N, C-alpha and C. Protein backbone atom coordinates (compact mmCIF):
# COMPACT_ATOMS: atom_id res chain seq x y z
N UNK A 1 61.00 56.96 -2.66
CA UNK A 1 60.14 55.76 -2.96
C UNK A 1 58.59 56.35 -2.99
N UNK A 2 57.92 55.87 -3.86
CA UNK A 2 56.54 56.41 -3.96
C UNK A 2 55.56 55.30 -3.36
N UNK A 3 54.69 55.75 -2.45
CA UNK A 3 53.81 54.91 -1.72
C UNK A 3 52.41 55.00 -2.32
N UNK A 4 51.75 53.98 -2.73
CA UNK A 4 50.43 53.92 -3.33
C UNK A 4 49.42 53.44 -2.24
N UNK A 5 48.27 54.07 -2.15
CA UNK A 5 47.19 53.39 -1.13
C UNK A 5 46.60 52.33 -1.67
N UNK A 6 46.45 51.33 -0.82
CA UNK A 6 46.03 49.96 -1.24
C UNK A 6 44.62 49.80 -0.71
N UNK A 7 43.77 50.73 -0.69
CA UNK A 7 42.43 50.58 0.00
C UNK A 7 41.43 50.29 -1.04
N UNK A 8 40.29 49.65 -0.83
CA UNK A 8 39.20 49.34 -1.76
C UNK A 8 38.37 50.54 -1.95
N UNK A 9 37.92 50.78 -3.00
CA UNK A 9 36.81 51.72 -3.33
C UNK A 9 35.52 51.28 -3.03
N UNK A 10 34.79 52.32 -2.76
CA UNK A 10 33.28 52.03 -2.30
C UNK A 10 32.57 51.13 -3.37
N UNK A 11 32.94 51.38 -4.55
CA UNK A 11 32.28 50.56 -5.65
C UNK A 11 32.78 49.09 -5.62
N UNK A 12 33.97 48.90 -5.48
CA UNK A 12 34.68 47.49 -5.48
C UNK A 12 33.91 46.88 -4.19
N UNK A 13 33.77 47.50 -3.06
CA UNK A 13 33.04 46.82 -1.97
C UNK A 13 31.68 46.48 -2.27
N UNK A 14 30.97 47.36 -2.96
CA UNK A 14 29.55 46.99 -3.27
C UNK A 14 29.39 45.95 -4.23
N UNK A 15 30.38 45.87 -5.09
CA UNK A 15 30.33 44.68 -6.31
C UNK A 15 30.63 43.35 -5.47
N UNK A 16 31.54 43.35 -4.63
CA UNK A 16 31.96 42.21 -3.81
C UNK A 16 30.73 41.77 -2.88
N UNK A 17 30.15 42.76 -2.22
CA UNK A 17 28.92 42.22 -1.56
C UNK A 17 27.77 41.82 -2.36
N UNK A 18 27.58 42.47 -3.45
CA UNK A 18 26.40 41.84 -4.49
C UNK A 18 26.74 40.47 -4.96
N UNK A 19 27.97 40.29 -5.35
CA UNK A 19 28.41 38.83 -5.65
C UNK A 19 28.14 37.85 -4.59
N UNK A 20 28.60 38.26 -3.37
CA UNK A 20 28.41 37.35 -2.25
C UNK A 20 27.08 36.92 -2.01
N UNK A 21 26.02 37.94 -2.11
CA UNK A 21 24.62 37.88 -1.82
C UNK A 21 24.12 36.97 -2.84
N UNK A 22 24.42 37.27 -4.23
CA UNK A 22 24.06 36.22 -5.31
C UNK A 22 24.38 34.89 -5.07
N UNK A 23 25.63 34.63 -4.57
CA UNK A 23 26.13 33.13 -4.44
C UNK A 23 25.37 32.52 -3.28
N UNK A 24 25.12 33.35 -2.14
CA UNK A 24 24.54 32.85 -0.91
C UNK A 24 23.05 32.45 -1.24
N UNK A 25 22.45 33.40 -2.01
CA UNK A 25 21.04 33.02 -2.44
C UNK A 25 21.03 31.79 -3.22
N UNK A 26 21.97 31.47 -4.15
CA UNK A 26 22.00 30.34 -4.90
C UNK A 26 22.17 29.13 -4.12
N UNK A 27 23.21 29.16 -3.17
CA UNK A 27 23.45 28.07 -2.33
C UNK A 27 22.27 27.71 -1.28
N UNK A 28 21.63 28.87 -0.85
CA UNK A 28 20.37 28.67 0.17
C UNK A 28 19.32 27.86 -0.63
N UNK A 29 19.02 28.17 -1.89
CA UNK A 29 17.89 27.59 -2.55
C UNK A 29 18.35 26.15 -2.88
N UNK A 30 19.64 25.87 -3.29
CA UNK A 30 20.13 24.47 -3.56
C UNK A 30 20.00 23.72 -2.33
N UNK A 31 20.45 24.20 -1.08
CA UNK A 31 20.51 23.50 0.07
C UNK A 31 19.16 23.00 0.53
N UNK A 32 18.14 23.83 0.51
CA UNK A 32 16.82 23.47 0.83
C UNK A 32 15.97 22.59 -0.17
N UNK A 33 16.45 22.75 -1.45
CA UNK A 33 15.94 21.71 -2.38
C UNK A 33 16.53 20.24 -2.03
N UNK A 34 17.59 20.19 -1.72
CA UNK A 34 18.40 19.04 -1.37
C UNK A 34 17.72 18.31 -0.02
N UNK A 35 17.53 19.15 0.96
CA UNK A 35 16.77 18.91 2.21
C UNK A 35 15.30 18.21 2.01
N UNK A 36 14.66 19.05 0.98
CA UNK A 36 13.27 18.55 0.73
C UNK A 36 13.23 17.33 -0.05
N UNK A 37 14.30 17.07 -0.88
CA UNK A 37 14.39 15.85 -1.54
C UNK A 37 14.80 14.66 -0.56
N UNK A 38 15.70 14.88 0.33
CA UNK A 38 16.09 13.83 1.24
C UNK A 38 14.75 13.45 2.17
N UNK A 39 14.08 14.41 2.55
CA UNK A 39 12.80 14.17 3.45
C UNK A 39 11.86 13.41 2.53
N UNK A 40 11.60 13.86 1.36
CA UNK A 40 10.58 13.17 0.54
C UNK A 40 10.89 11.62 0.33
N UNK A 41 12.34 11.46 0.12
CA UNK A 41 12.68 10.04 -0.10
C UNK A 41 12.53 9.21 1.05
N UNK A 42 12.91 9.85 2.21
CA UNK A 42 12.78 9.12 3.48
C UNK A 42 11.31 8.80 3.86
N UNK A 43 10.41 9.62 3.50
CA UNK A 43 9.03 9.45 3.77
C UNK A 43 8.53 8.30 3.01
N UNK A 44 8.88 8.27 1.58
CA UNK A 44 8.46 7.15 0.72
C UNK A 44 8.99 5.91 1.12
N UNK A 45 10.30 6.00 1.38
CA UNK A 45 11.00 4.59 1.99
C UNK A 45 10.21 4.02 3.24
N UNK A 46 9.73 4.84 4.00
CA UNK A 46 9.14 4.28 5.16
C UNK A 46 7.70 3.63 4.88
N UNK A 47 7.06 4.17 3.82
CA UNK A 47 5.85 3.45 3.37
C UNK A 47 6.12 1.97 2.88
N UNK A 48 7.26 1.99 2.08
CA UNK A 48 7.74 0.58 1.55
C UNK A 48 8.22 -0.36 2.62
N UNK A 49 8.85 0.12 3.68
CA UNK A 49 9.25 -0.58 4.70
C UNK A 49 8.08 -1.22 5.64
N UNK A 50 7.03 -0.30 5.91
CA UNK A 50 5.86 -0.69 6.49
C UNK A 50 5.02 -1.80 5.71
N UNK A 51 4.90 -1.55 4.35
CA UNK A 51 4.13 -2.51 3.49
C UNK A 51 4.96 -3.80 3.54
N UNK A 52 6.20 -3.83 3.45
CA UNK A 52 7.09 -4.99 3.53
C UNK A 52 6.79 -5.85 4.96
N UNK A 53 6.83 -5.09 5.80
CA UNK A 53 6.71 -5.78 7.08
C UNK A 53 5.21 -6.37 7.19
N UNK A 54 4.19 -5.59 6.71
CA UNK A 54 2.87 -6.15 6.70
C UNK A 54 2.69 -7.46 5.93
N UNK A 55 3.33 -7.52 4.75
CA UNK A 55 3.16 -8.56 3.81
C UNK A 55 3.90 -9.72 4.44
N UNK A 56 5.09 -9.46 4.96
CA UNK A 56 5.82 -10.66 5.64
C UNK A 56 5.05 -11.15 6.73
N UNK A 57 4.34 -10.33 7.58
CA UNK A 57 3.45 -10.91 8.60
C UNK A 57 2.36 -11.66 8.17
N UNK A 58 1.67 -11.15 7.05
CA UNK A 58 0.66 -12.06 6.46
C UNK A 58 1.13 -13.30 5.88
N UNK A 59 2.32 -13.32 5.38
CA UNK A 59 2.89 -14.52 4.74
C UNK A 59 3.03 -15.51 6.03
N UNK A 60 3.77 -15.05 7.06
CA UNK A 60 4.03 -15.76 8.20
C UNK A 60 2.72 -16.47 8.71
N UNK A 61 1.79 -15.71 8.86
CA UNK A 61 0.44 -16.24 9.39
C UNK A 61 -0.31 -17.07 8.42
N UNK A 62 -0.32 -16.94 7.13
CA UNK A 62 -0.79 -17.55 6.16
C UNK A 62 -0.08 -19.16 6.05
N UNK A 63 1.11 -19.26 6.30
CA UNK A 63 1.83 -20.41 6.34
C UNK A 63 1.35 -21.35 7.61
N UNK A 64 0.78 -20.70 8.58
CA UNK A 64 0.23 -21.45 9.59
C UNK A 64 -1.31 -21.56 9.80
N UNK A 65 -1.93 -21.10 8.66
CA UNK A 65 -3.35 -21.09 8.68
C UNK A 65 -3.84 -22.48 8.77
N UNK A 66 -5.12 -22.52 9.45
CA UNK A 66 -5.60 -23.91 9.72
C UNK A 66 -7.29 -23.80 9.58
N UNK A 67 -7.70 -24.69 8.76
CA UNK A 67 -9.18 -24.90 8.57
C UNK A 67 -9.56 -26.42 8.52
N UNK A 68 -10.56 -26.76 9.38
CA UNK A 68 -11.09 -27.98 9.58
C UNK A 68 -12.66 -27.94 9.23
N UNK A 69 -13.05 -28.50 8.27
CA UNK A 69 -14.44 -28.34 7.77
C UNK A 69 -15.49 -28.61 8.86
N UNK A 70 -15.20 -29.66 9.75
CA UNK A 70 -16.10 -30.05 10.63
C UNK A 70 -16.07 -29.30 12.05
N UNK A 71 -15.22 -28.30 12.04
CA UNK A 71 -14.90 -27.57 13.27
C UNK A 71 -15.74 -26.23 12.99
N UNK A 72 -16.39 -25.79 14.00
CA UNK A 72 -17.21 -24.49 13.99
C UNK A 72 -16.14 -23.27 14.40
N UNK A 73 -15.20 -23.61 15.03
CA UNK A 73 -14.23 -22.69 15.55
C UNK A 73 -13.13 -22.32 14.53
N UNK A 74 -13.07 -22.93 13.36
CA UNK A 74 -12.03 -22.47 12.36
C UNK A 74 -12.58 -21.89 11.22
N UNK A 75 -12.00 -21.05 10.52
CA UNK A 75 -12.46 -20.31 9.37
C UNK A 75 -11.35 -19.88 8.51
N UNK A 76 -11.72 -19.52 7.23
CA UNK A 76 -10.80 -18.82 6.31
C UNK A 76 -11.78 -18.17 5.30
N UNK A 77 -11.72 -16.89 5.43
CA UNK A 77 -12.74 -16.04 4.67
C UNK A 77 -12.28 -14.79 4.27
N UNK A 78 -12.16 -14.42 3.00
CA UNK A 78 -11.72 -13.19 2.57
C UNK A 78 -12.75 -12.65 1.54
N UNK A 79 -12.93 -11.29 1.68
CA UNK A 79 -13.87 -10.61 0.86
C UNK A 79 -13.24 -9.22 0.30
N UNK A 80 -13.83 -8.74 -0.82
CA UNK A 80 -13.53 -7.38 -1.10
C UNK A 80 -14.67 -6.49 -0.84
N UNK A 81 -14.34 -5.33 -0.26
CA UNK A 81 -15.35 -4.44 -0.03
C UNK A 81 -14.82 -2.99 -0.77
N UNK A 82 -15.38 -2.73 -1.88
CA UNK A 82 -14.90 -1.55 -2.64
C UNK A 82 -13.55 -1.89 -3.12
N UNK A 83 -12.64 -0.95 -2.79
CA UNK A 83 -11.33 -1.15 -3.27
C UNK A 83 -10.37 -1.89 -2.18
N UNK A 84 -10.93 -2.27 -1.02
CA UNK A 84 -10.05 -2.87 0.10
C UNK A 84 -10.80 -4.26 0.23
N UNK A 85 -9.81 -5.00 0.86
CA UNK A 85 -10.06 -6.41 1.10
C UNK A 85 -10.08 -6.57 2.66
N UNK A 86 -10.87 -7.61 3.15
CA UNK A 86 -10.63 -8.18 4.50
C UNK A 86 -10.35 -9.60 4.53
N UNK A 87 -9.57 -10.09 5.31
CA UNK A 87 -9.14 -11.47 5.32
C UNK A 87 -9.19 -11.88 6.77
N UNK A 88 -9.96 -12.95 7.19
CA UNK A 88 -10.05 -13.56 8.47
C UNK A 88 -9.80 -15.12 8.30
N UNK A 89 -8.94 -15.65 9.15
CA UNK A 89 -8.66 -16.97 9.20
C UNK A 89 -8.10 -17.36 10.64
N UNK A 90 -8.27 -18.71 10.82
CA UNK A 90 -7.54 -19.26 12.07
C UNK A 90 -6.24 -19.75 11.69
N UNK A 91 -5.29 -19.54 12.70
CA UNK A 91 -3.93 -19.95 12.59
C UNK A 91 -3.37 -20.38 13.71
N UNK A 92 -2.18 -21.21 13.73
CA UNK A 92 -1.28 -21.29 14.75
C UNK A 92 -0.40 -20.33 14.81
N UNK A 93 -0.75 -19.21 15.60
CA UNK A 93 0.00 -17.75 15.48
C UNK A 93 0.14 -17.30 16.88
N UNK A 94 0.74 -16.17 16.98
CA UNK A 94 0.82 -15.33 18.24
C UNK A 94 0.56 -13.82 17.69
N UNK A 95 -0.02 -13.02 18.76
CA UNK A 95 -0.29 -11.64 18.34
C UNK A 95 0.99 -10.93 18.23
N UNK A 96 1.08 -9.72 17.66
CA UNK A 96 2.18 -9.03 17.62
C UNK A 96 2.53 -8.41 18.91
N UNK A 97 3.83 -8.32 19.31
CA UNK A 97 4.24 -7.85 20.44
C UNK A 97 4.11 -8.72 21.66
N UNK A 98 3.56 -9.93 21.48
CA UNK A 98 3.19 -10.75 22.65
C UNK A 98 2.07 -10.51 23.42
N UNK A 99 1.16 -9.37 22.96
CA UNK A 99 0.16 -9.07 23.63
C UNK A 99 -1.13 -9.74 23.05
N UNK A 100 -2.11 -9.89 23.90
CA UNK A 100 -3.41 -10.45 23.31
C UNK A 100 -3.70 -11.73 23.86
N UNK A 101 -4.70 -12.40 23.22
CA UNK A 101 -5.07 -13.67 23.78
C UNK A 101 -4.16 -14.82 23.77
N UNK A 102 -4.00 -15.59 24.78
CA UNK A 102 -3.11 -16.69 24.96
C UNK A 102 -3.77 -17.97 24.56
N UNK A 103 -3.50 -18.39 23.27
CA UNK A 103 -4.01 -19.59 22.76
C UNK A 103 -3.22 -20.05 21.63
N UNK A 104 -2.94 -21.39 21.28
CA UNK A 104 -2.33 -21.73 20.15
C UNK A 104 -2.98 -21.54 18.77
N UNK A 105 -4.45 -21.73 19.01
CA UNK A 105 -5.32 -21.42 17.74
C UNK A 105 -5.83 -19.97 17.90
N UNK A 106 -5.38 -19.10 16.84
CA UNK A 106 -5.82 -17.81 16.96
C UNK A 106 -6.66 -17.40 15.63
N UNK A 107 -7.73 -16.65 15.94
CA UNK A 107 -8.32 -16.04 14.81
C UNK A 107 -7.66 -14.82 14.40
N UNK A 108 -7.10 -14.63 13.17
CA UNK A 108 -6.44 -13.42 12.65
C UNK A 108 -7.26 -12.79 11.60
N UNK A 109 -7.19 -11.55 11.54
CA UNK A 109 -8.00 -10.62 10.80
C UNK A 109 -7.07 -9.51 10.24
N UNK A 110 -7.09 -9.36 8.93
CA UNK A 110 -6.43 -8.13 8.21
C UNK A 110 -7.49 -7.36 7.49
N UNK A 111 -7.43 -6.04 7.78
CA UNK A 111 -8.47 -5.25 7.23
C UNK A 111 -7.86 -3.70 7.02
N UNK A 112 -8.59 -3.03 6.21
CA UNK A 112 -8.19 -1.59 6.20
C UNK A 112 -9.42 -0.63 6.59
N UNK A 113 -8.98 0.37 7.32
CA UNK A 113 -9.93 1.27 7.81
C UNK A 113 -9.64 2.52 7.42
N UNK A 114 -10.67 3.33 6.97
CA UNK A 114 -10.51 4.75 6.70
C UNK A 114 -10.06 5.69 7.81
N UNK A 115 -8.97 6.39 7.41
CA UNK A 115 -8.44 7.41 8.47
C UNK A 115 -8.24 8.61 7.69
N UNK A 116 -9.14 9.62 7.81
CA UNK A 116 -9.05 10.97 6.90
C UNK A 116 -9.23 10.56 5.67
N UNK A 117 -8.31 10.94 4.64
CA UNK A 117 -8.48 10.69 3.27
C UNK A 117 -7.68 9.36 2.76
N UNK A 118 -7.28 8.74 3.79
CA UNK A 118 -6.46 7.52 3.28
C UNK A 118 -6.86 6.21 4.18
N UNK A 119 -6.27 5.21 4.05
CA UNK A 119 -6.62 4.14 4.88
C UNK A 119 -5.38 3.63 5.75
N UNK A 120 -5.57 2.89 6.75
CA UNK A 120 -4.65 2.25 7.56
C UNK A 120 -4.98 0.72 7.64
N UNK A 121 -4.00 -0.18 7.58
CA UNK A 121 -4.33 -1.66 7.62
C UNK A 121 -4.06 -1.96 9.06
N UNK A 122 -4.92 -2.80 9.48
CA UNK A 122 -4.91 -3.28 10.85
C UNK A 122 -4.81 -4.79 10.95
N UNK A 123 -4.36 -5.45 12.07
CA UNK A 123 -4.32 -6.89 12.33
C UNK A 123 -5.00 -7.04 13.55
N UNK A 124 -6.12 -7.87 13.53
CA UNK A 124 -6.73 -8.06 14.87
C UNK A 124 -6.59 -9.66 15.16
N UNK A 125 -6.20 -9.97 16.29
CA UNK A 125 -6.11 -11.38 16.70
C UNK A 125 -7.20 -11.63 17.86
N UNK A 126 -7.71 -12.80 17.80
CA UNK A 126 -8.59 -13.04 18.83
C UNK A 126 -8.56 -14.71 19.06
N UNK A 127 -9.01 -14.86 20.16
CA UNK A 127 -9.10 -16.29 20.77
C UNK A 127 -10.42 -16.68 20.16
N UNK A 128 -10.57 -17.66 19.33
CA UNK A 128 -11.88 -18.35 18.87
C UNK A 128 -12.66 -18.87 19.97
N UNK A 129 -12.25 -19.18 21.09
CA UNK A 129 -13.17 -19.84 22.06
C UNK A 129 -13.58 -18.89 23.18
N UNK A 130 -12.84 -17.87 23.41
CA UNK A 130 -13.33 -16.88 24.43
C UNK A 130 -13.71 -15.45 23.83
N UNK A 131 -13.12 -15.31 22.51
CA UNK A 131 -13.55 -13.94 22.08
C UNK A 131 -12.72 -12.88 22.30
N UNK A 132 -11.74 -12.99 23.30
CA UNK A 132 -10.82 -12.07 23.69
C UNK A 132 -9.89 -11.74 22.48
N UNK A 133 -9.66 -10.18 22.31
CA UNK A 133 -9.06 -9.88 21.12
C UNK A 133 -8.00 -8.66 21.39
N UNK A 134 -7.14 -8.54 20.42
CA UNK A 134 -6.14 -7.41 20.32
C UNK A 134 -6.10 -6.91 18.97
N UNK A 135 -6.15 -5.64 18.89
CA UNK A 135 -6.00 -4.90 17.40
C UNK A 135 -4.67 -4.11 17.36
N UNK A 136 -3.90 -4.17 16.23
CA UNK A 136 -2.79 -3.56 16.19
C UNK A 136 -2.73 -2.92 14.76
N UNK A 137 -2.28 -1.41 14.67
CA UNK A 137 -1.98 -0.89 13.41
C UNK A 137 -0.86 -1.44 12.77
N UNK A 138 -0.90 -1.81 11.50
CA UNK A 138 0.29 -2.39 10.73
C UNK A 138 0.84 -1.51 9.99
N UNK A 139 0.13 -0.41 9.32
CA UNK A 139 0.87 0.59 8.39
C UNK A 139 0.37 1.89 8.84
N UNK A 140 1.08 2.82 8.17
CA UNK A 140 0.58 4.19 8.23
C UNK A 140 -0.49 4.49 7.12
N UNK A 141 -0.56 5.72 6.45
CA UNK A 141 -1.62 5.75 5.64
C UNK A 141 -1.16 5.21 4.28
N UNK A 142 -2.30 4.55 3.60
CA UNK A 142 -1.99 3.74 2.36
C UNK A 142 -3.36 4.16 1.53
N UNK A 143 -3.23 3.86 0.26
CA UNK A 143 -4.37 4.14 -0.61
C UNK A 143 -5.36 2.91 -0.71
N UNK A 144 -4.82 1.61 -0.40
CA UNK A 144 -5.59 0.36 -0.57
C UNK A 144 -4.95 -0.80 -0.11
N UNK A 145 -5.67 -1.76 0.28
CA UNK A 145 -5.27 -3.05 0.71
C UNK A 145 -6.10 -4.16 -0.06
N UNK A 146 -5.37 -5.08 -0.99
CA UNK A 146 -6.35 -6.10 -1.61
C UNK A 146 -5.63 -7.49 -1.36
N UNK A 147 -6.60 -8.39 -1.24
CA UNK A 147 -6.07 -9.86 -1.09
C UNK A 147 -6.91 -10.60 -2.26
N UNK A 148 -6.12 -11.55 -2.94
CA UNK A 148 -6.70 -12.40 -3.98
C UNK A 148 -6.25 -13.75 -3.52
N UNK A 149 -7.02 -14.80 -4.02
CA UNK A 149 -7.04 -16.08 -3.51
C UNK A 149 -6.91 -17.05 -4.77
N UNK A 150 -5.86 -18.11 -4.63
CA UNK A 150 -5.60 -18.92 -5.78
C UNK A 150 -6.26 -20.33 -5.34
N UNK A 151 -6.95 -20.88 -6.24
CA UNK A 151 -7.61 -22.20 -5.90
C UNK A 151 -6.88 -23.43 -6.73
N UNK A 152 -5.62 -22.91 -7.36
CA UNK A 152 -4.89 -23.99 -8.10
C UNK A 152 -4.96 -23.76 -9.56
N UNK A 153 -6.10 -23.00 -10.15
CA UNK A 153 -6.08 -22.75 -11.50
C UNK A 153 -6.26 -21.28 -11.67
N UNK A 154 -7.07 -20.60 -10.82
CA UNK A 154 -7.57 -19.13 -11.10
C UNK A 154 -7.44 -18.35 -9.84
N UNK A 155 -7.34 -17.03 -10.05
CA UNK A 155 -7.24 -16.06 -8.84
C UNK A 155 -8.66 -15.62 -8.67
N UNK A 156 -9.09 -15.38 -7.43
CA UNK A 156 -10.41 -14.93 -7.26
C UNK A 156 -10.24 -13.75 -6.03
N UNK A 157 -11.32 -12.79 -6.07
CA UNK A 157 -11.24 -11.71 -5.23
C UNK A 157 -11.84 -12.07 -3.86
N UNK A 158 -12.59 -13.14 -3.70
CA UNK A 158 -13.14 -13.51 -2.30
C UNK A 158 -12.88 -15.08 -2.21
N UNK A 159 -13.05 -15.48 -0.95
CA UNK A 159 -12.94 -16.96 -0.55
C UNK A 159 -13.75 -17.13 0.67
N UNK A 160 -14.47 -18.29 0.80
CA UNK A 160 -15.13 -18.67 1.99
C UNK A 160 -14.90 -20.11 1.96
N UNK A 161 -13.98 -20.59 3.01
CA UNK A 161 -13.80 -22.00 3.10
C UNK A 161 -14.99 -22.96 3.58
N UNK A 162 -15.95 -22.14 4.25
CA UNK A 162 -17.26 -23.00 4.62
C UNK A 162 -17.98 -23.35 3.31
N UNK A 163 -17.72 -22.68 2.34
CA UNK A 163 -18.44 -23.02 1.01
C UNK A 163 -17.48 -23.84 -0.02
N UNK A 164 -16.23 -23.60 0.13
CA UNK A 164 -15.36 -24.26 -0.65
C UNK A 164 -14.78 -25.59 -0.17
N UNK A 165 -15.08 -25.85 1.19
CA UNK A 165 -14.63 -26.85 2.03
C UNK A 165 -13.15 -27.10 1.97
N UNK A 166 -12.29 -26.02 1.77
CA UNK A 166 -10.87 -26.04 1.68
C UNK A 166 -10.29 -24.59 1.73
N UNK A 167 -9.14 -24.54 2.12
CA UNK A 167 -8.35 -23.21 2.09
C UNK A 167 -7.87 -23.19 0.60
N UNK A 168 -7.59 -21.80 0.28
CA UNK A 168 -6.94 -21.60 -1.12
C UNK A 168 -5.53 -22.07 -1.04
N UNK A 169 -4.99 -22.37 -2.24
CA UNK A 169 -3.56 -22.87 -2.41
C UNK A 169 -2.52 -21.78 -2.00
N UNK A 170 -3.03 -20.57 -2.41
CA UNK A 170 -2.06 -19.36 -2.03
C UNK A 170 -2.94 -18.11 -1.89
N UNK A 171 -2.39 -17.10 -1.20
CA UNK A 171 -3.10 -15.77 -1.29
C UNK A 171 -1.93 -14.76 -1.80
N UNK A 172 -2.46 -13.76 -2.46
CA UNK A 172 -1.74 -12.69 -2.90
C UNK A 172 -2.17 -11.40 -2.17
N UNK A 173 -1.36 -10.73 -1.37
CA UNK A 173 -1.68 -9.38 -0.69
C UNK A 173 -0.89 -8.37 -1.41
N UNK A 174 -1.77 -7.19 -1.64
CA UNK A 174 -1.12 -5.93 -2.24
C UNK A 174 -1.42 -4.91 -1.36
N UNK A 175 -0.46 -4.09 -1.22
CA UNK A 175 -0.78 -2.81 -0.59
C UNK A 175 -0.38 -1.53 -1.50
N UNK A 176 -1.38 -0.70 -1.53
CA UNK A 176 -1.25 0.46 -2.53
C UNK A 176 -0.72 1.59 -1.84
N UNK A 177 0.50 2.09 -1.98
CA UNK A 177 1.14 3.24 -1.16
C UNK A 177 0.47 4.49 -1.57
N UNK A 178 0.75 5.52 -0.83
CA UNK A 178 0.30 6.85 -1.07
C UNK A 178 0.74 7.42 -2.33
N UNK A 179 1.98 7.06 -2.95
CA UNK A 179 2.40 7.70 -4.06
C UNK A 179 2.07 6.83 -5.24
N UNK A 180 1.14 5.88 -5.21
CA UNK A 180 0.58 5.19 -6.37
C UNK A 180 1.16 3.82 -6.52
N UNK A 181 2.47 3.55 -5.92
CA UNK A 181 3.03 2.30 -6.04
C UNK A 181 2.49 1.22 -5.38
N UNK A 182 2.51 0.05 -5.90
CA UNK A 182 2.04 -1.12 -5.30
C UNK A 182 3.11 -2.25 -4.73
N UNK A 183 2.97 -2.67 -3.58
CA UNK A 183 3.86 -3.71 -3.09
C UNK A 183 3.13 -4.92 -2.86
N UNK A 184 3.53 -6.15 -3.45
CA UNK A 184 2.78 -7.33 -3.37
C UNK A 184 3.53 -8.57 -2.88
N UNK A 185 2.95 -9.53 -2.25
CA UNK A 185 3.63 -10.71 -1.91
C UNK A 185 2.53 -11.86 -2.11
N UNK A 186 3.08 -13.12 -2.43
CA UNK A 186 2.14 -14.25 -2.60
C UNK A 186 2.84 -15.25 -1.47
N UNK A 187 1.76 -15.78 -0.63
CA UNK A 187 2.09 -16.67 0.39
C UNK A 187 1.20 -18.03 0.10
N UNK A 188 2.02 -19.12 0.35
CA UNK A 188 1.25 -20.40 0.37
C UNK A 188 0.57 -20.70 1.79
N UNK A 189 -0.54 -21.46 1.64
CA UNK A 189 -1.20 -21.83 2.88
C UNK A 189 -0.81 -23.36 3.11
N UNK A 190 -0.02 -23.70 4.08
CA UNK A 190 0.66 -24.92 4.23
C UNK A 190 -0.21 -25.96 4.86
N UNK A 191 -0.81 -25.58 6.09
CA UNK A 191 -1.53 -26.55 6.96
C UNK A 191 -2.94 -26.82 6.21
N UNK A 192 -3.23 -27.97 5.97
CA UNK A 192 -4.63 -28.32 5.23
C UNK A 192 -5.43 -29.10 6.16
């Protein structure tokens, strides 16, 4: 019986190691590309979730907005400053997290403040009688925050109920996200 050696030659081992290295390099690159994609998608999704929560909160507060022309303690005023808007109104509302002034009638303000190269949107609630206030960050970094006001026929960039002697029929709030996308919601003001 003839016995043949079954060992690998040095060339065969080197070829196998080289092929394994090429495969691992390709898998390594693919793995980290997928990880970067997942992290990027998750970060963008967070912006949409925060914007949705902010717009939902504005809608809830707008539904309970209250203005009485003869009362000096009620207000509904919105204005545009550059690319961003600010909105202040009195409402039957409660501050976020249960913190802040204790009153049924609350002055609510939504506005954007510059934070580095981007903006953050804040909500400030205050007692119109005592001035006691509470400020909460509502979003992470965004490109902008805009509010428009509907009088029943047209949309406007500003509103002052002390001049109009009424609240707008509806408001449209828009959050411009870092990736350039915009998220909007329209809310009616019910209490007149």
